[in-house]
N, C-alpha and C. Protein backbone atom coordinates (compact mmCIF):
# COMPACT_ATOMS: atom_id res chain seq x y z
N UNK A 1 -24.77 49.31 18.89
CA UNK A 1 -24.30 50.49 17.93
C UNK A 1 -26.17 50.59 17.63
N UNK A 2 -25.86 52.08 17.71
CA UNK A 2 -27.62 52.68 18.05
C UNK A 2 -27.72 53.44 16.71
N UNK A 3 -28.67 53.07 15.45
CA UNK A 3 -28.88 53.78 14.38
C UNK A 3 -30.07 54.24 14.67
N UNK A 4 -29.98 55.32 14.22
CA UNK A 4 -31.55 56.29 13.51
C UNK A 4 -32.30 55.31 12.26
N UNK A 5 -33.53 55.68 12.04
CA UNK A 5 -34.38 54.68 11.46
C UNK A 5 -33.66 56.07 9.66
N UNK A 6 -33.23 57.33 9.89
CA UNK A 6 -32.80 57.44 8.97
C UNK A 6 -31.64 57.11 8.08
N UNK A 7 -30.68 56.66 9.43
CA UNK A 7 -29.56 56.04 8.70
C UNK A 7 -29.46 54.57 8.30
N UNK A 8 -30.17 53.76 8.92
CA UNK A 8 -30.75 52.38 8.44
C UNK A 8 -31.38 52.49 7.09
N UNK A 9 -31.91 53.45 7.21
CA UNK A 9 -32.94 53.89 5.29
C UNK A 9 -31.73 54.16 4.69
N UNK A 10 -30.85 54.96 5.26
CA UNK A 10 -29.63 55.01 4.07
C UNK A 10 -28.77 54.19 3.96
N UNK A 11 -28.39 53.54 4.78
CA UNK A 11 -27.48 52.05 4.57
C UNK A 11 -28.47 51.33 3.61
N UNK A 12 -29.52 50.92 3.44
CA UNK A 12 -30.37 50.08 2.78
C UNK A 12 -30.00 50.46 1.12
N UNK A 13 -30.45 52.16 1.23
CA UNK A 13 -30.74 52.64 -0.30
C UNK A 13 -29.07 52.00 -0.83
N UNK A 14 -27.91 52.62 -0.09
CA UNK A 14 -26.56 52.08 -0.56
C UNK A 14 -26.53 50.85 -1.50
N UNK A 15 -26.81 50.31 -0.50
CA UNK A 15 -26.98 48.52 -0.80
C UNK A 15 -27.99 48.21 -2.44
N UNK A 16 -29.01 49.13 -2.58
CA UNK A 16 -29.40 48.69 -3.37
C UNK A 16 -28.80 49.78 -4.63
N UNK A 17 -28.30 50.71 -4.50
CA UNK A 17 -27.93 51.34 -5.43
C UNK A 17 -26.76 50.59 -6.04
N UNK A 18 -25.64 50.27 -5.48
CA UNK A 18 -24.32 49.32 -5.86
C UNK A 18 -24.89 48.15 -6.61
N UNK A 19 -26.05 47.48 -6.31
CA UNK A 19 -26.33 46.30 -6.83
C UNK A 19 -27.24 46.44 -7.91
N UNK A 20 -27.62 47.64 -8.24
CA UNK A 20 -28.27 48.04 -9.56
C UNK A 20 -27.67 48.73 -10.50
N UNK A 21 -26.43 49.04 -10.31
CA UNK A 21 -25.48 49.58 -11.05
C UNK A 21 -24.77 48.54 -11.58
N UNK A 22 -24.29 47.06 -11.04
CA UNK A 22 -23.36 46.03 -11.42
C UNK A 22 -23.35 45.81 -12.75
N UNK A 23 -23.97 46.03 -13.23
CA UNK A 23 -23.88 45.34 -15.14
C UNK A 23 -23.32 46.90 -15.14
N UNK A 24 -22.70 47.94 -14.71
CA UNK A 24 -22.56 48.91 -15.37
C UNK A 24 -21.21 49.28 -15.48
N UNK A 25 -20.39 48.30 -14.70
CA UNK A 25 -18.82 48.30 -14.74
C UNK A 25 -18.24 48.32 -15.93
N UNK A 26 -16.82 49.25 -16.23
CA UNK A 26 -16.47 49.48 -17.68
C UNK A 26 -17.09 50.04 -18.92
N UNK A 27 -18.43 50.86 -18.24
CA UNK A 27 -18.94 51.34 -19.72
C UNK A 27 -18.29 52.57 -19.50
N UNK A 28 -17.77 52.95 -18.97
CA UNK A 28 -16.71 54.73 -19.17
C UNK A 28 -15.79 54.61 -20.02
N UNK A 29 -15.47 53.17 -19.80
CA UNK A 29 -13.43 52.77 -20.42
C UNK A 29 -14.41 52.50 -21.96
N UNK A 30 -15.28 51.75 -22.54
CA UNK A 30 -16.07 51.75 -23.69
C UNK A 30 -17.10 53.06 -24.44
N UNK A 31 -17.41 53.60 -23.62
CA UNK A 31 -17.61 55.44 -24.05
C UNK A 31 -16.47 56.22 -24.77
N UNK A 32 -15.26 56.01 -23.43
CA UNK A 32 -14.02 57.04 -23.81
C UNK A 32 -13.24 56.21 -25.00
N UNK A 33 -13.68 54.84 -25.09
CA UNK A 33 -12.89 54.50 -26.48
C UNK A 33 -13.81 55.06 -27.72
N UNK A 34 -14.92 54.70 -27.78
CA UNK A 34 -15.83 55.37 -28.44
C UNK A 34 -15.73 56.34 -29.22
N UNK A 35 -15.23 57.52 -28.66
CA UNK A 35 -15.34 59.27 -28.70
C UNK A 35 -13.60 59.15 -28.99
N UNK A 36 -12.64 58.07 -28.72
CA UNK A 36 -11.46 58.81 -29.59
C UNK A 36 -11.34 58.25 -31.01
N UNK A 37 -12.01 57.55 -31.00
CA UNK A 37 -12.16 56.40 -32.12
C UNK A 37 -12.90 57.58 -33.02
N UNK A 38 -13.93 57.88 -32.57
CA UNK A 38 -15.07 58.87 -33.21
C UNK A 38 -14.11 60.42 -33.32
N UNK A 39 -13.41 60.85 -32.83
CA UNK A 39 -12.21 61.79 -32.96
C UNK A 39 -11.50 61.57 -33.83
N UNK A 40 -10.72 60.50 -33.96
CA UNK A 40 -9.59 60.30 -34.73
C UNK A 40 -9.82 59.89 -36.28
N UNK A 41 -11.31 59.42 -36.28
CA UNK A 41 -12.03 59.67 -37.65
C UNK A 41 -11.91 60.77 -38.34
N UNK A 42 -12.69 61.74 -37.57
CA UNK A 42 -13.14 63.08 -37.69
C UNK A 42 -11.32 63.63 -38.23
N UNK A 43 -10.58 63.42 -37.52
CA UNK A 43 -8.63 64.08 -37.53
C UNK A 43 -8.89 63.45 -38.93
N UNK A 44 -8.80 62.76 -39.49
CA UNK A 44 -8.50 61.65 -40.29
C UNK A 44 -9.01 62.17 -41.82
N UNK A 45 -10.41 62.47 -41.15
CA UNK A 45 -11.02 63.42 -42.66
C UNK A 45 -11.14 64.44 -42.48
N UNK A 46 -10.89 65.35 -41.83
CA UNK A 46 -10.04 66.94 -41.85
C UNK A 46 -9.02 66.68 -42.48
N UNK A 47 -8.07 65.60 -42.44
CA UNK A 47 -6.77 65.74 -43.10
C UNK A 47 -7.17 65.54 -44.73
N UNK A 48 -7.40 64.80 -44.91
CA UNK A 48 -8.29 64.90 -46.53
C UNK A 48 -8.69 65.51 -47.16
N UNK A 49 -9.74 65.80 -46.61
CA UNK A 49 -10.13 67.31 -46.92
C UNK A 49 -9.54 68.03 -47.76
N UNK A 50 -9.07 68.16 -46.24
CA UNK A 50 -7.37 69.56 -46.72
C UNK A 50 -6.83 69.04 -48.13
N UNK A 51 -6.40 67.58 -48.10
CA UNK A 51 -5.53 67.42 -49.08
C UNK A 51 -5.73 67.21 -50.37
N UNK A 52 -7.36 67.04 -50.75
CA UNK A 52 -8.14 67.76 -51.55
C UNK A 52 -7.99 68.61 -52.39
N UNK A 53 -8.24 69.67 -51.09
CA UNK A 53 -8.48 71.15 -52.05
C UNK A 53 -7.04 71.26 -52.07
N UNK A 54 -6.04 70.82 -51.62
CA UNK A 54 -4.72 71.36 -52.02
C UNK A 54 -3.95 70.87 -53.71
N UNK A 55 -4.53 69.49 -53.36
CA UNK A 55 -4.23 68.70 -54.92
C UNK A 55 -5.56 69.28 -56.09
N UNK A 56 -6.42 70.11 -55.81
CA UNK A 56 -7.53 70.45 -56.60
C UNK A 56 -6.72 72.02 -57.04
N UNK A 57 -5.63 72.95 -56.11
CA UNK A 57 -4.75 73.76 -56.50
C UNK A 57 -4.12 73.68 -56.97
N UNK A 58 -3.41 72.96 -57.11
CA UNK A 58 -2.05 72.61 -58.38
C UNK A 58 -2.96 72.23 -59.42
N UNK A 59 -3.55 71.22 -59.61
CA UNK A 59 -4.44 70.83 -60.63
C UNK A 59 -4.89 72.12 -61.44
N UNK A 60 -5.57 73.42 -60.64
CA UNK A 60 -6.08 74.22 -61.77
C UNK A 60 -4.57 75.15 -61.99
N UNK A 61 -3.50 74.87 -60.80
CA UNK A 61 -2.40 75.90 -61.30
C UNK A 61 -1.48 75.71 -62.44
N UNK A 62 -1.59 74.05 -62.58
CA UNK A 62 -0.95 73.49 -64.02
C UNK A 62 -1.65 73.46 -65.29
N UNK A 63 -2.84 73.37 -64.60
CA UNK A 63 -3.64 73.92 -66.19
C UNK A 63 -3.74 75.25 -66.63
N UNK A 64 -3.80 75.87 -65.98
CA UNK A 64 -3.67 77.53 -66.11
C UNK A 64 -2.07 77.66 -66.51
N UNK A 65 -1.29 76.88 -66.54
CA UNK A 65 0.38 77.34 -66.78
C UNK A 65 0.26 76.44 -68.05
N UNK A 66 -0.51 75.31 -68.37
CA UNK A 66 -0.59 75.01 -69.89
C UNK A 66 -1.36 75.88 -70.78
N UNK A 67 -2.35 76.45 -70.52
CA UNK A 67 -2.99 77.27 -71.10
C UNK A 67 -2.27 78.72 -71.64
N UNK A 68 -1.31 79.07 -70.83
CA UNK A 68 -0.34 80.16 -70.97
C UNK A 68 0.49 80.20 -71.61
N UNK A 69 0.70 78.59 -71.73
CA UNK A 69 1.96 77.92 -72.58
C UNK A 69 1.74 77.65 -73.72
N UNK A 70 0.00 77.39 -74.27
CA UNK A 70 0.00 76.72 -75.23
C UNK A 70 -0.48 78.32 -75.87
N UNK A 71 -1.19 79.60 -75.35
CA UNK A 71 -1.39 80.61 -75.82
C UNK A 71 -0.35 81.08 -76.53
N UNK A 72 0.63 80.87 -75.62
CA UNK A 72 2.26 81.98 -76.30
C UNK A 72 2.84 80.91 -77.37
N UNK A 73 2.28 79.88 -77.60
CA UNK A 73 3.14 78.92 -78.62
C UNK A 73 2.43 79.61 -79.67
N UNK A 74 1.10 79.94 -79.55
CA UNK A 74 0.43 80.17 -80.81
C UNK A 74 0.54 81.55 -81.66
N UNK A 75 0.91 82.37 -80.75
CA UNK A 75 1.17 83.89 -80.41
C UNK A 75 1.93 84.31 -81.38
N UNK A 76 3.17 83.39 -81.41
CA UNK A 76 4.29 84.06 -81.64
C UNK A 76 4.88 83.09 -83.19
């Protein structure tokens, strides 16, 4: 097999490249898992904030209804 110097260098470079990334196996799964947990946490927070606003609106409506009922009771 007759390899030119450029091909020999390329083969050596590939071998060194693989050995330098040996400790990085599985990092993609960890990053994806962290991203999924982060997105889930943001979704839960968004749902919680919306339910807080809905409860606040319902409490305001109840207070307004009580105030109107009290005013009606005093005026009659």
